[in-house]
Amino acid sequence: MKHKKPVPVEINKIVIGEKYYTCSWTGAISVIVLKIFNDTNSVLVEINSKKKGYKPFVRPVNYIFDNQEMAKSAGKAWEHDERKRKKK
């Protein structure tokens, strides 16, 4: 079976208030898009959970997926980018 490369959602197809998936340190998580930043190709998201108290955070559009399996398979690349970003 051939590995399928994860394909993120295009920025012009993202709908505010809709549920998407993104990568995290523990796997894929469900998020709701609150705002789209076209100038930086990123989105403001909040974790989609019944528990309250999660703060919104910014995530690059490259790591917003409409499929949980795609978000899981992109996790290694996301971790690499996060470690590189934190070194700066």
PDB file of N, CA and C in Angstrom:
ATOM      1  N   MET A   1       0.838  -1.174   0.000  1.00  0.00           N
ATOM      2  CA  MET A   1       0.000   0.000   0.000  1.00  0.00           C
ATOM      3  C   MET A   1       0.883   1.238   0.000  1.00  0.00           C
ATOM      4  N   LYS A   2       0.575   2.169  -0.864  1.00  0.00           N
ATOM      5  CA  LYS A   2       1.379   3.371  -1.004  1.00  0.00           C
ATOM      6  C   LYS A   2       0.934   4.440  -0.010  1.00  0.00           C
ATOM      7  N   HIS A   3       1.899   5.137   0.566  1.00  0.00           N
ATOM      8  CA  HIS A   3       1.613   6.203   1.523  1.00  0.00           C
ATOM      9  C   HIS A   3       1.062   7.420   0.792  1.00  0.00           C
ATOM     10  N   LYS A   4      -0.060   7.957   1.273  1.00  0.00           N
ATOM     11  CA  LYS A   4      -0.642   9.153   0.671  1.00  0.00           C
ATOM     12  C   LYS A   4      -0.125  10.386   1.403  1.00  0.00           C
ATOM     13  N   LYS A   5       0.360  11.349   0.646  1.00  0.00           N
ATOM     14  CA  LYS A   5       0.855  12.586   1.239  1.00  0.00           C
ATOM     15  C   LYS A   5      -0.334  13.394   1.761  1.00  0.00           C
ATOM     16  N   PRO A   6      -0.243  13.917   3.001  1.00  0.00           N
ATOM     17  CA  PRO A   6      -1.350  14.702   3.541  1.00  0.00           C
ATOM     18  C   PRO A   6      -1.560  15.990   2.744  1.00  0.00           C
ATOM     19  N   VAL A   7      -2.806  16.280   2.433  1.00  0.00           N
ATOM     20  CA  VAL A   7      -3.147  17.467   1.655  1.00  0.00           C
ATOM     21  C   VAL A   7      -3.973  18.399   2.537  1.00  0.00           C
ATOM     22  N   PRO A   8      -3.427  19.576   2.887  1.00  0.00           N
ATOM     23  CA  PRO A   8      -4.190  20.504   3.727  1.00  0.00           C
ATOM     24  C   PRO A   8      -5.330  21.157   2.952  1.00  0.00           C
ATOM     25  N   VAL A   9      -6.262  21.729   3.695  1.00  0.00           N
ATOM     26  CA  VAL A   9      -7.380  22.448   3.090  1.00  0.00           C
ATOM     27  C   VAL A   9      -6.852  23.758   2.514  1.00  0.00           C
ATOM     28  N   GLU A  10      -7.314  24.124   1.328  1.00  0.00           N
ATOM     29  CA  GLU A  10      -6.890  25.387   0.725  1.00  0.00           C
ATOM     30  C   GLU A  10      -7.488  26.544   1.515  1.00  0.00           C
ATOM     31  N   ILE A  11      -6.727  27.642   1.620  1.00  0.00           N
ATOM     32  CA  ILE A  11      -7.146  28.766   2.448  1.00  0.00           C
ATOM     33  C   ILE A  11      -8.456  29.379   1.963  1.00  0.00           C
ATOM     34  N   ASN A  12      -8.707  29.357   0.661  1.00  0.00           N
ATOM     35  CA  ASN A  12      -9.948  29.947   0.153  1.00  0.00           C
ATOM     36  C   ASN A  12     -11.158  29.032   0.350  1.00  0.00           C
ATOM     37  N   LYS A  13     -10.946  27.788   0.764  1.00  0.00           N
ATOM     38  CA  LYS A  13     -12.047  26.850   1.018  1.00  0.00           C
ATOM     39  C   LYS A  13     -12.346  26.692   2.506  1.00  0.00           C
ATOM     40  N   ILE A  14     -11.568  27.342   3.370  1.00  0.00           N
ATOM     41  CA  ILE A  14     -11.797  27.257   4.809  1.00  0.00           C
ATOM     42  C   ILE A  14     -12.998  28.125   5.173  1.00  0.00           C
ATOM     43  N   VAL A  15     -13.896  27.577   5.977  1.00  0.00           N
ATOM     44  CA  VAL A  15     -15.101  28.284   6.407  1.00  0.00           C
ATOM     45  C   VAL A  15     -14.989  28.566   7.903  1.00  0.00           C
ATOM     46  N   ILE A  16     -15.213  29.815   8.289  1.00  0.00           N
ATOM     47  CA  ILE A  16     -15.155  30.194   9.707  1.00  0.00           C
ATOM     48  C   ILE A  16     -16.301  29.512  10.449  1.00  0.00           C
ATOM     49  N   GLY A  17     -15.990  28.934  11.607  1.00  0.00           N
ATOM     50  CA  GLY A  17     -16.982  28.239  12.417  1.00  0.00           C
ATOM     51  C   GLY A  17     -17.085  26.752  12.126  1.00  0.00           C
ATOM     52  N   GLU A  18     -16.425  26.271  11.090  1.00  0.00           N
ATOM     53  CA  GLU A  18     -16.457  24.847  10.742  1.00  0.00           C
ATOM     54  C   GLU A  18     -15.399  24.073  11.523  1.00  0.00           C
ATOM     55  N   LYS A  19     -15.601  22.758  11.641  1.00  0.00           N
ATOM     56  CA  LYS A  19     -14.671  21.881  12.360  1.00  0.00           C
ATOM     57  C   LYS A  19     -13.624  21.343  11.392  1.00  0.00           C
ATOM     58  N   TYR A  20     -12.361  21.432  11.795  1.00  0.00           N
ATOM     59  CA  TYR A  20     -11.242  20.891  11.028  1.00  0.00           C
ATOM     60  C   TYR A  20     -10.337  20.137  11.996  1.00  0.00           C
ATOM     61  N   TYR A  21      -9.277  19.540  11.472  1.00  0.00           N
ATOM     62  CA  TYR A  21      -8.314  18.804  12.287  1.00  0.00           C
ATOM     63  C   TYR A  21      -6.929  19.389  12.080  1.00  0.00           C
ATOM     64  N   THR A  22      -6.120  19.336  13.138  1.00  0.00           N
ATOM     65  CA  THR A  22      -4.747  19.804  13.057  1.00  0.00           C
ATOM     66  C   THR A  22      -3.864  18.893  13.896  1.00  0.00           C
ATOM     67  N   CYS A  23      -2.569  19.080  13.788  1.00  0.00           N
ATOM     68  CA  CYS A  23      -1.597  18.254  14.508  1.00  0.00           C
ATOM     69  C   CYS A  23      -1.340  18.843  15.893  1.00  0.00           C
ATOM     70  N   SER A  24      -0.993  17.972  16.824  1.00  0.00           N
ATOM     71  CA  SER A  24      -0.553  18.410  18.149  1.00  0.00           C
ATOM     72  C   SER A  24       0.504  17.424  18.629  1.00  0.00           C
ATOM     73  N   TRP A  25       1.067  17.691  19.796  1.00  0.00           N
ATOM     74  CA  TRP A  25       2.113  16.815  20.324  1.00  0.00           C
ATOM     75  C   TRP A  25       1.565  15.424  20.642  1.00  0.00           C
ATOM     76  N   THR A  26       0.262  15.303  20.878  1.00  0.00           N
ATOM     77  CA  THR A  26      -0.317  14.009  21.243  1.00  0.00           C
ATOM     78  C   THR A  26      -1.083  13.347  20.106  1.00  0.00           C
ATOM     79  N   GLY A  27      -1.083  13.932  18.923  1.00  0.00           N
ATOM     80  CA  GLY A  27      -1.798  13.363  17.782  1.00  0.00           C
ATOM     81  C   GLY A  27      -2.656  14.415  17.102  1.00  0.00           C
ATOM     82  N   ALA A  28      -3.701  13.990  16.439  1.00  0.00           N
ATOM     83  CA  ALA A  28      -4.599  14.918  15.747  1.00  0.00           C
ATOM     84  C   ALA A  28      -5.664  15.421  16.718  1.00  0.00           C
ATOM     85  N   ILE A  29      -6.003  16.706  16.611  1.00  0.00           N
ATOM     86  CA  ILE A  29      -7.047  17.285  17.449  1.00  0.00           C
ATOM     87  C   ILE A  29      -8.064  17.996  16.565  1.00  0.00           C
ATOM     88  N   SER A  30      -9.277  18.069  17.068  1.00  0.00           N
ATOM     89  CA  SER A  30     -10.361  18.745  16.364  1.00  0.00           C
ATOM     90  C   SER A  30     -10.371  20.213  16.782  1.00  0.00           C
ATOM     91  N   VAL A  31     -10.441  21.110  15.805  1.00  0.00           N
ATOM     92  CA  VAL A  31     -10.438  22.549  16.089  1.00  0.00           C
ATOM     93  C   VAL A  31     -11.549  23.234  15.294  1.00  0.00           C
ATOM     94  N   ILE A  32     -11.929  24.421  15.764  1.00  0.00           N
ATOM     95  CA  ILE A  32     -12.893  25.263  15.061  1.00  0.00           C
ATOM     96  C   ILE A  32     -12.168  26.528  14.638  1.00  0.00           C
ATOM     97  N   VAL A  33     -12.308  26.908  13.380  1.00  0.00           N
ATOM     98  CA  VAL A  33     -11.642  28.101  12.849  1.00  0.00           C
ATOM     99  C   VAL A  33     -12.416  29.336  13.295  1.00  0.00           C
ATOM    100  N   LEU A  34     -11.699  30.306  13.901  1.00  0.00           N
ATOM    101  CA  LEU A  34     -12.313  31.543  14.360  1.00  0.00           C
ATOM    102  C   LEU A  34     -12.040  32.717  13.436  1.00  0.00           C
ATOM    103  N   LYS A  35     -10.845  32.743  12.832  1.00  0.00           N
ATOM    104  CA  LYS A  35     -10.464  33.865  11.973  1.00  0.00           C
ATOM    105  C   LYS A  35      -9.408  33.393  10.987  1.00  0.00           C
ATOM    106  N   ILE A  36      -9.405  33.986   9.794  1.00  0.00           N
ATOM    107  CA  ILE A  36      -8.431  33.642   8.757  1.00  0.00           C
ATOM    108  C   ILE A  36      -7.532  34.842   8.511  1.00  0.00           C
ATOM    109  N   PHE A  37      -6.212  34.620   8.533  1.00  0.00           N
ATOM    110  CA  PHE A  37      -5.229  35.664   8.246  1.00  0.00           C
ATOM    111  C   PHE A  37      -4.625  35.375   6.871  1.00  0.00           C
ATOM    112  N   ASN A  38      -5.117  36.048   5.832  1.00  0.00           N
ATOM    113  CA  ASN A  38      -4.641  35.803   4.467  1.00  0.00           C
ATOM    114  C   ASN A  38      -3.212  36.281   4.254  1.00  0.00           C
ATOM    115  N   ASP A  39      -2.800  37.337   4.969  1.00  0.00           N
ATOM    116  CA  ASP A  39      -1.456  37.888   4.763  1.00  0.00           C
ATOM    117  C   ASP A  39      -0.359  36.947   5.248  1.00  0.00           C
ATOM    118  N   THR A  40      -0.619  36.172   6.288  1.00  0.00           N
ATOM    119  CA  THR A  40       0.395  35.259   6.829  1.00  0.00           C
ATOM    120  C   THR A  40       0.070  33.786   6.558  1.00  0.00           C
ATOM    121  N   ASN A  41      -1.006  33.517   5.815  1.00  0.00           N
ATOM    122  CA  ASN A  41      -1.441  32.142   5.535  1.00  0.00           C
ATOM    123  C   ASN A  41      -1.596  31.321   6.808  1.00  0.00           C
ATOM    124  N   SER A  42      -2.301  31.890   7.782  1.00  0.00           N
ATOM    125  CA  SER A  42      -2.545  31.188   9.031  1.00  0.00           C
ATOM    126  C   SER A  42      -3.983  31.433   9.477  1.00  0.00           C
ATOM    127  N   VAL A  43      -4.410  30.651  10.454  1.00  0.00           N
ATOM    128  CA  VAL A  43      -5.769  30.770  10.972  1.00  0.00           C
ATOM    129  C   VAL A  43      -5.740  30.773  12.494  1.00  0.00           C
ATOM    130  N   LEU A  44      -6.714  31.458  13.085  1.00  0.00           N
ATOM    131  CA  LEU A  44      -6.903  31.438  14.531  1.00  0.00           C
ATOM    132  C   LEU A  44      -7.907  30.335  14.817  1.00  0.00           C
ATOM    133  N   VAL A  45      -7.523  29.371  15.647  1.00  0.00           N
ATOM    134  CA  VAL A  45      -8.382  28.219  15.928  1.00  0.00           C
ATOM    135  C   VAL A  45      -8.550  28.038  17.431  1.00  0.00           C
ATOM    136  N   GLU A  46      -9.599  27.308  17.788  1.00  0.00           N
ATOM    137  CA  GLU A  46      -9.851  26.949  19.176  1.00  0.00           C
ATOM    138  C   GLU A  46     -10.154  25.459  19.201  1.00  0.00           C
ATOM    139  N   ILE A  47      -9.704  24.771  20.235  1.00  0.00           N
ATOM    140  CA  ILE A  47      -9.933  23.331  20.344  1.00  0.00           C
ATOM    141  C   ILE A  47     -11.426  23.067  20.482  1.00  0.00           C
ATOM    142  N   ASN A  48     -11.928  22.118  19.717  1.00  0.00           N
ATOM    143  CA  ASN A  48     -13.339  21.745  19.726  1.00  0.00           C
ATOM    144  C   ASN A  48     -13.544  20.694  20.811  1.00  0.00           C
ATOM    145  N   SER A  49     -13.979  21.142  21.993  1.00  0.00           N
ATOM    146  CA  SER A  49     -14.154  20.232  23.112  1.00  0.00           C
ATOM    147  C   SER A  49     -15.293  20.727  23.997  1.00  0.00           C
ATOM    148  N   LYS A  50     -15.899  19.809  24.737  1.00  0.00           N
ATOM    149  CA  LYS A  50     -16.952  20.201  25.678  1.00  0.00           C
ATOM    150  C   LYS A  50     -16.366  20.941  26.864  1.00  0.00           C
ATOM    151  N   LYS A  51     -15.102  20.652  27.185  1.00  0.00           N
ATOM    152  CA  LYS A  51     -14.433  21.364  28.270  1.00  0.00           C
ATOM    153  C   LYS A  51     -14.165  22.791  27.827  1.00  0.00           C
ATOM    154  N   LYS A  52     -14.345  23.721  28.715  1.00  0.00           N
ATOM    155  CA  LYS A  52     -14.091  25.126  28.386  1.00  0.00           C
ATOM    156  C   LYS A  52     -12.751  25.536  28.984  1.00  0.00           C
ATOM    157  N   GLY A  53     -12.247  26.668  28.554  1.00  0.00           N
ATOM    158  CA  GLY A  53     -11.000  27.174  29.099  1.00  0.00           C
ATOM    159  C   GLY A  53      -9.819  27.038  28.162  1.00  0.00           C
ATOM    160  N   TYR A  54     -10.034  26.516  26.966  1.00  0.00           N
ATOM    161  CA  TYR A  54      -8.950  26.439  25.996  1.00  0.00           C
ATOM    162  C   TYR A  54      -8.784  27.790  25.323  1.00  0.00           C
ATOM    163  N   LYS A  55      -7.556  28.269  25.262  1.00  0.00           N
ATOM    164  CA  LYS A  55      -7.283  29.550  24.620  1.00  0.00           C
ATOM    165  C   LYS A  55      -7.109  29.342  23.119  1.00  0.00           C
ATOM    166  N   PRO A  56      -7.600  30.286  22.316  1.00  0.00           N
ATOM    167  CA  PRO A  56      -7.374  30.194  20.866  1.00  0.00           C
ATOM    168  C   PRO A  56      -5.887  30.319  20.538  1.00  0.00           C
ATOM    169  N   PHE A  57      -5.466  29.710  19.455  1.00  0.00           N
ATOM    170  CA  PHE A  57      -4.074  29.784  19.029  1.00  0.00           C
ATOM    171  C   PHE A  57      -4.012  29.866  17.514  1.00  0.00           C
ATOM    172  N   VAL A  58      -2.879  30.324  17.004  1.00  0.00           N
ATOM    173  CA  VAL A  58      -2.690  30.494  15.564  1.00  0.00           C
ATOM    174  C   VAL A  58      -1.988  29.259  15.015  1.00  0.00           C
ATOM    175  N   ARG A  59      -2.457  28.803  13.860  1.00  0.00           N
ATOM    176  CA  ARG A  59      -1.882  27.629  13.226  1.00  0.00           C
ATOM    177  C   ARG A  59      -1.709  27.917  11.735  1.00  0.00           C
ATOM    178  N   PRO A  60      -0.562  27.556  11.143  1.00  0.00           N
ATOM    179  CA  PRO A  60      -0.392  27.730   9.690  1.00  0.00           C
ATOM    180  C   PRO A  60      -1.419  26.899   8.913  1.00  0.00           C
ATOM    181  N   VAL A  61      -1.833  27.406   7.781  1.00  0.00           N
ATOM    182  CA  VAL A  61      -2.821  26.710   6.951  1.00  0.00           C
ATOM    183  C   VAL A  61      -2.288  25.366   6.466  1.00  0.00           C
ATOM    184  N   ASN A  62      -0.976  25.214   6.405  1.00  0.00           N
ATOM    185  CA  ASN A  62      -0.378  23.945   5.966  1.00  0.00           C
ATOM    186  C   ASN A  62      -0.748  22.781   6.876  1.00  0.00           C
ATOM    187  N   TYR A  63      -1.210  23.063   8.093  1.00  0.00           N
ATOM    188  CA  TYR A  63      -1.538  22.008   9.050  1.00  0.00           C
ATOM    189  C   TYR A  63      -3.008  22.024   9.452  1.00  0.00           C
ATOM    190  N   ILE A  64      -3.883  22.481   8.557  1.00  0.00           N
ATOM    191  CA  ILE A  64      -5.327  22.416   8.769  1.00  0.00           C
ATOM    192  C   ILE A  64      -5.893  21.410   7.762  1.00  0.00           C
ATOM    193  N   PHE A  65      -6.544  20.370   8.282  1.00  0.00           N
ATOM    194  CA  PHE A  65      -7.046  19.283   7.440  1.00  0.00           C
ATOM    195  C   PHE A  65      -8.526  19.050   7.708  1.00  0.00           C
ATOM    196  N   ASP A  66      -9.239  18.518   6.717  1.00  0.00           N
ATOM    197  CA  ASP A  66     -10.635  18.152   6.931  1.00  0.00           C
ATOM    198  C   ASP A  66     -10.790  16.664   7.236  1.00  0.00           C
ATOM    199  N   ASN A  67      -9.671  15.951   7.321  1.00  0.00           N
ATOM    200  CA  ASN A  67      -9.663  14.520   7.574  1.00  0.00           C
ATOM    201  C   ASN A  67      -8.701  14.235   8.730  1.00  0.00           C
ATOM    202  N   GLN A  68      -9.159  13.519   9.733  1.00  0.00           N
ATOM    203  CA  GLN A  68      -8.333  13.239  10.905  1.00  0.00           C
ATOM    204  C   GLN A  68      -7.109  12.397  10.561  1.00  0.00           C
ATOM    205  N   GLU A  69      -7.241  11.463   9.653  1.00  0.00           N
ATOM    206  CA  GLU A  69      -6.111  10.613   9.269  1.00  0.00           C
ATOM    207  C   GLU A  69      -5.000  11.422   8.600  1.00  0.00           C
ATOM    208  N   MET A  70      -5.370  12.402   7.798  1.00  0.00           N
ATOM    209  CA  MET A  70      -4.368  13.260   7.157  1.00  0.00           C
ATOM    210  C   MET A  70      -3.620  14.071   8.215  1.00  0.00           C
ATOM    211  N   ALA A  71      -4.343  14.553   9.222  1.00  0.00           N
ATOM    212  CA  ALA A  71      -3.709  15.321  10.294  1.00  0.00           C
ATOM    213  C   ALA A  71      -2.723  14.449  11.072  1.00  0.00           C
ATOM    214  N   LYS A  72      -3.087  13.197  11.304  1.00  0.00           N
ATOM    215  CA  LYS A  72      -2.181  12.279  12.004  1.00  0.00           C
ATOM    216  C   LYS A  72      -0.902  12.053  11.213  1.00  0.00           C
ATOM    217  N   SER A  73      -1.043  11.846   9.906  1.00  0.00           N
ATOM    218  CA  SER A  73       0.136  11.544   9.094  1.00  0.00           C
ATOM    219  C   SER A  73       1.029  12.762   8.886  1.00  0.00           C
ATOM    220  N   ALA A  74       0.520  13.966   9.097  1.00  0.00           N
ATOM    221  CA  ALA A  74       1.335  15.178   8.968  1.00  0.00           C
ATOM    222  C   ALA A  74       2.008  15.545  10.287  1.00  0.00           C
ATOM    223  N   GLY A  75       1.780  14.769  11.329  1.00  0.00           N
ATOM    224  CA  GLY A  75       2.296  15.089  12.655  1.00  0.00           C
ATOM    225  C   GLY A  75       3.806  15.192  12.735  1.00  0.00           C
ATOM    226  N   LYS A  76       4.520  14.320  12.058  1.00  0.00           N
ATOM    227  CA  LYS A  76       5.986  14.324  12.128  1.00  0.00           C
ATOM    228  C   LYS A  76       6.563  15.602  11.518  1.00  0.00           C
ATOM    229  N   ALA A  77       6.023  16.029  10.380  1.00  0.00           N
ATOM    230  CA  ALA A  77       6.479  17.275   9.745  1.00  0.00           C
ATOM    231  C   ALA A  77       6.144  18.474  10.622  1.00  0.00           C
ATOM    232  N   TRP A  78       4.969  18.451  11.269  1.00  0.00           N
ATOM    233  CA  TRP A  78       4.569  19.547  12.157  1.00  0.00           C
ATOM    234  C   TRP A  78       5.522  19.636  13.353  1.00  0.00           C
ATOM    235  N   GLU A  79       5.852  18.497  13.963  1.00  0.00           N
ATOM    236  CA  GLU A  79       6.778  18.490  15.097  1.00  0.00           C
ATOM    237  C   GLU A  79       8.137  19.042  14.687  1.00  0.00           C
ATOM    238  N   HIS A  80       8.614  18.675  13.507  1.00  0.00           N
ATOM    239  CA  HIS A  80       9.892  19.189  13.014  1.00  0.00           C
ATOM    240  C   HIS A  80       9.842  20.713  12.882  1.00  0.00           C
ATOM    241  N   ASP A  81       8.765  21.238  12.305  1.00  0.00           N
ATOM    242  CA  ASP A  81       8.623  22.689  12.149  1.00  0.00           C
ATOM    243  C   ASP A  81       8.512  23.399  13.493  1.00  0.00           C
ATOM    244  N   GLU A  82       7.817  22.793  14.454  1.00  0.00           N
ATOM    245  CA  GLU A  82       7.680  23.403  15.782  1.00  0.00           C
ATOM    246  C   GLU A  82       9.031  23.480  16.493  1.00  0.00           C
ATOM    247  N   ARG A  83       9.808  22.414  16.423  1.00  0.00           N
ATOM    248  CA  ARG A  83      11.123  22.430  17.071  1.00  0.00           C
ATOM    249  C   ARG A  83      12.027  23.473  16.424  1.00  0.00           C
ATOM    250  N   LYS A  84      11.970  23.575  15.103  1.00  0.00           N
ATOM    251  CA  LYS A  84      12.772  24.562  14.376  1.00  0.00           C
ATOM    252  C   LYS A  84      12.335  25.980  14.742  1.00  0.00           C
ATOM    253  N   ARG A  85      11.017  26.200  14.873  1.00  0.00           N
ATOM    254  CA  ARG A  85      10.482  27.519  15.216  1.00  0.00           C
ATOM    255  C   ARG A  85      10.885  27.927  16.635  1.00  0.00           C
ATOM    256  N   LYS A  86      10.894  26.983  17.568  1.00  0.00           N
ATOM    257  CA  LYS A  86      11.222  27.292  18.961  1.00  0.00           C
ATOM    258  C   LYS A  86      12.705  27.569  19.165  1.00  0.00           C
ATOM    259  N   LYS A  87      13.564  27.095  18.248  1.00  0.00           N
ATOM    260  CA  LYS A  87      15.002  27.352  18.365  1.00  0.00           C
ATOM    261  C   LYS A  87      15.352  28.792  18.046  1.00  0.00           C
ATOM    262  N   LYS A  88      14.504  29.469  17.264  1.00  0.00           N
ATOM    263  CA  LYS A  88      14.800  30.848  16.835  1.00  0.00           C
ATOM    264  C   LYS A  88      14.817  31.819  17.972  1.00  0.00           C
TER     265      LYS A  88
END
